[in-house]
Amino acid sequence: MIALAFLAALCAVCSAQIPTPCNSPKQWIGERTLFDPSKKFYERSRVAYDEENMRTRFTEYIEAGKEKDYFDVLHLYATKKEYRVNMKTKQCNETTLTHSMRQVGVPDNATYLYQAELGPVQIPLEHLTVAVFGGNYTEDNVKYMSYVTNPGCIPVMDRYSNSVTGFIETHYYDIHVGAVPEERFAVPEDCKKDAQY
């Protein structure tokens, strides 16, 4: 009887240790690299991320095959606007966003998969613990895996796949958590001069 009670208590303690989805920072500035191996697509960009006000800004360097381009891209999800400036030609394209803002980090409906150490664990301060969560975005049938620091829930990497886009992997680094300066989300000057106000 005592053994059964001990086993039940042990199971309760072990199941209580399974991480639940954590809250990633809602505002940050950092960098990312994005890969789509099937399309030979590579993007490196500076990122300003503001989930609270539903907006993102990317200064992108893109390689697609042998083509190379540079873009300044502002997404204002609250007004469903995208401003995309080709930094070589200074041409601005203003379009209507047709997708909702995708959260960077761990979605609320994510399932804990596992935890891992990045780097040599036997050397102090030379490794990082990441928690890995996965799930599906039902809106566009995308399967995802999100890798975040544990503790902190800072995004490290995302992997997405579906039948339309294929497999995409994104790495995040040099993240500075906190409020993003308002000027980072100003409409690009090249778009203002084309606008009819």
Protein backbone atom coordinates (compact mmCIF):
# COMPACT_ATOMS: atom_id res chain seq x y z
CA MET A 1 0.00 0.00 0.00
CA ILE A 2 2.84 2.36 0.90
CA ALA A 3 4.63 1.48 -2.35
CA LEU A 4 1.48 2.33 -4.35
CA ALA A 5 1.13 5.69 -2.58
CA PHE A 6 4.83 6.43 -3.20
CA LEU A 7 4.48 5.57 -6.91
CA ALA A 8 1.42 7.84 -7.25
CA ALA A 9 3.26 10.70 -5.56
CA LEU A 10 6.31 10.17 -7.79
CA CYS A 11 4.12 10.26 -10.93
CA ALA A 12 2.46 13.48 -9.75
CA VAL A 13 5.83 15.15 -9.12
CA CYS A 14 7.23 14.03 -12.50
CA SER A 15 4.19 15.18 -14.47
CA ALA A 16 4.25 18.54 -12.69
CA GLN A 17 7.75 19.14 -14.09
CA ILE A 18 6.69 19.05 -17.75
CA PRO A 19 7.05 22.64 -19.02
CA THR A 20 3.99 24.44 -20.27
CA PRO A 21 4.06 27.10 -23.01
CA CYS A 22 5.99 30.10 -21.72
CA ASN A 23 5.47 33.77 -22.55
CA SER A 24 8.08 35.07 -24.97
CA PRO A 25 8.92 38.77 -24.89
CA LYS A 26 6.32 40.91 -26.66
CA GLN A 27 8.80 43.61 -27.71
CA TRP A 28 12.41 43.27 -28.82
CA ILE A 29 15.06 44.22 -31.35
CA GLY A 30 17.39 41.61 -32.80
CA GLU A 31 18.55 39.73 -35.86
CA ARG A 32 17.36 36.68 -37.72
CA THR A 33 18.37 34.37 -40.52
CA LEU A 34 15.75 32.51 -42.53
CA PHE A 35 16.41 29.51 -44.78
CA ASP A 36 14.29 27.72 -47.35
CA PRO A 37 16.59 25.04 -48.79
CA SER A 38 14.12 23.88 -51.46
CA LYS A 39 14.04 27.34 -53.06
CA LYS A 40 17.72 28.14 -52.36
CA PHE A 41 16.44 31.12 -50.40
CA TYR A 42 18.40 32.83 -47.62
CA GLU A 43 17.46 35.99 -45.73
CA ARG A 44 19.38 37.83 -43.06
CA SER A 45 17.62 40.74 -41.41
CA ARG A 46 17.53 43.17 -38.54
CA VAL A 47 14.22 42.86 -36.71
CA ALA A 48 12.07 45.22 -34.67
CA TYR A 49 9.25 43.18 -33.12
CA ASP A 50 6.24 44.64 -31.28
CA GLU A 51 3.52 42.09 -30.62
CA GLU A 52 1.63 44.43 -28.27
CA ASN A 53 1.01 46.98 -31.05
CA MET A 54 0.90 44.34 -33.84
CA ARG A 55 3.83 45.53 -35.97
CA THR A 56 7.19 44.32 -37.27
CA ARG A 57 10.06 45.86 -39.21
CA PHE A 58 12.70 43.97 -41.17
CA THR A 59 15.78 45.33 -42.90
CA GLU A 60 16.43 42.37 -45.19
CA TYR A 61 19.36 41.08 -47.18
CA ILE A 62 17.99 38.33 -49.45
CA GLU A 63 19.65 35.72 -51.65
CA ALA A 64 17.35 33.72 -53.92
CA GLY A 65 19.46 31.57 -56.18
CA LYS A 66 21.97 33.98 -57.74
CA GLU A 67 19.81 37.07 -57.11
CA LYS A 68 20.62 39.41 -54.20
CA ASP A 69 18.36 42.15 -52.92
CA TYR A 70 17.90 44.52 -49.99
CA PHE A 71 14.52 45.54 -48.58
CA ASP A 72 13.07 47.63 -45.78
CA VAL A 73 9.75 45.99 -44.83
CA LEU A 74 7.23 47.42 -42.36
CA HIS A 75 4.16 45.38 -41.35
CA LEU A 76 1.39 47.27 -39.54
CA TYR A 77 -1.08 44.49 -38.73
CA ALA A 78 -3.59 46.73 -36.92
CA THR A 79 -4.22 48.63 -40.18
CA LYS A 80 -3.37 45.64 -42.45
CA LYS A 81 -0.64 47.60 -44.31
CA GLU A 82 2.73 46.49 -45.64
CA TYR A 83 5.34 48.98 -46.85
CA ARG A 84 8.18 47.35 -48.81
CA VAL A 85 11.05 49.49 -50.09
CA ASN A 86 13.64 48.05 -52.47
CA MET A 87 16.73 49.67 -51.02
CA LYS A 88 18.58 49.56 -54.36
CA THR A 89 15.89 51.29 -56.44
CA LYS A 90 14.16 53.20 -53.58
CA GLN A 91 10.81 52.03 -55.01
CA CYS A 92 8.06 51.62 -52.41
CA ASN A 93 5.22 49.14 -52.71
CA GLU A 94 2.30 49.59 -50.33
CA THR A 95 0.05 46.53 -50.11
CA THR A 96 -2.73 45.16 -47.94
CA LEU A 97 -1.72 42.41 -45.52
CA THR A 98 -3.80 39.28 -46.00
CA HIS A 99 -2.37 37.30 -43.08
CA SER A 100 -2.45 37.88 -39.36
CA MET A 101 0.64 38.53 -37.26
CA ARG A 102 2.42 35.32 -36.36
CA GLN A 103 3.74 35.25 -32.82
CA VAL A 104 7.51 34.75 -32.47
CA GLY A 105 8.15 32.35 -29.61
CA VAL A 106 5.78 29.81 -28.13
CA PRO A 107 2.10 29.88 -29.19
CA ASP A 108 -0.49 29.28 -26.46
CA ASN A 109 -1.59 25.96 -27.99
CA ALA A 110 1.96 24.54 -28.21
CA THR A 111 2.90 21.16 -26.77
CA TYR A 112 6.16 20.62 -24.92
CA LEU A 113 8.41 18.22 -26.86
CA TYR A 114 11.82 18.16 -25.15
CA GLN A 115 14.65 20.18 -23.64
CA ALA A 116 18.25 20.32 -24.89
CA GLU A 117 21.60 21.90 -24.08
CA LEU A 118 23.38 23.89 -26.80
CA GLY A 119 27.14 24.02 -26.38
CA PRO A 120 29.51 22.14 -24.08
CA VAL A 121 27.63 21.46 -20.85
CA GLN A 122 30.80 20.64 -18.91
CA ILE A 123 32.12 24.22 -19.33
CA PRO A 124 30.36 26.82 -17.11
CA LEU A 125 28.66 29.69 -18.98
CA GLU A 126 29.39 28.08 -22.37
CA HIS A 127 26.02 26.43 -22.94
CA LEU A 128 22.37 27.35 -23.23
CA THR A 129 19.28 25.38 -22.25
CA VAL A 130 16.45 25.44 -24.78
CA ALA A 131 12.90 24.13 -24.47
CA VAL A 132 11.29 22.86 -27.66
CA PHE A 133 7.56 23.18 -28.29
CA GLY A 134 5.51 22.12 -31.30
CA GLY A 135 2.04 22.22 -32.77
CA ASN A 136 -0.09 23.34 -35.70
CA TYR A 137 -1.44 26.68 -36.82
CA THR A 138 -4.92 25.74 -37.95
CA GLU A 139 -5.39 29.00 -39.89
CA ASP A 140 -3.03 27.88 -42.68
CA ASN A 141 -2.25 24.26 -41.70
CA VAL A 142 1.36 24.99 -40.74
CA LYS A 143 3.27 22.59 -38.51
CA TYR A 144 5.81 24.33 -36.30
CA MET A 145 8.53 23.76 -33.74
CA SER A 146 9.65 26.66 -31.54
CA TYR A 147 12.96 26.62 -29.67
CA VAL A 148 13.24 29.10 -26.77
CA THR A 149 15.67 29.69 -23.92
CA ASN A 150 14.83 28.10 -20.60
CA PRO A 151 14.51 30.18 -18.50
CA GLY A 152 13.55 33.41 -20.27
CA CYS A 153 11.53 32.06 -23.21
CA ILE A 154 13.68 34.10 -25.65
CA PRO A 155 13.24 32.85 -29.26
CA VAL A 156 16.22 30.88 -30.57
CA MET A 157 14.80 29.10 -33.62
CA ASP A 158 11.52 28.29 -35.41
CA ARG A 159 10.82 25.58 -37.96
CA TYR A 160 7.69 25.72 -40.12
CA SER A 161 6.33 23.48 -42.84
CA ASN A 162 3.18 23.08 -44.88
CA SER A 163 2.24 21.97 -48.39
CA VAL A 164 2.38 25.54 -49.80
CA THR A 165 5.63 26.98 -48.42
CA GLY A 166 7.53 23.76 -47.74
CA PHE A 167 10.14 23.81 -44.95
CA ILE A 168 11.41 27.11 -43.50
CA GLU A 169 13.90 27.49 -40.65
CA THR A 170 14.48 30.77 -38.81
CA HIS A 171 17.26 31.52 -36.31
CA TYR A 172 17.11 34.48 -33.88
CA TYR A 173 20.12 36.08 -32.22
CA ASP A 174 21.41 39.30 -30.61
CA ILE A 175 17.98 39.90 -29.10
CA HIS A 176 17.55 42.95 -26.85
CA VAL A 177 14.28 42.66 -24.93
CA GLY A 178 12.28 45.78 -24.14
CA ALA A 179 10.23 48.56 -25.68
CA VAL A 180 11.18 49.32 -29.28
CA PRO A 181 11.73 53.01 -30.12
CA GLU A 182 8.68 54.41 -31.94
CA GLU A 183 10.76 55.67 -34.88
CA ARG A 184 11.55 52.04 -35.80
CA PHE A 185 7.93 51.74 -36.96
CA ALA A 186 7.67 54.98 -38.91
CA VAL A 187 6.49 54.67 -42.51
CA PRO A 188 9.61 54.68 -44.74
CA GLU A 189 10.47 58.07 -46.26
CA ASP A 190 10.43 56.55 -49.76
CA CYS A 191 6.78 55.58 -49.20
CA LYS A 192 5.77 58.99 -47.81
CA LYS A 193 6.92 60.85 -50.91
CA ASP A 194 4.81 58.57 -53.13
CA ALA A 195 1.70 58.90 -50.97
CA GLN A 196 -1.15 61.24 -51.86
CA TYR A 197 -1.99 63.04 -48.58
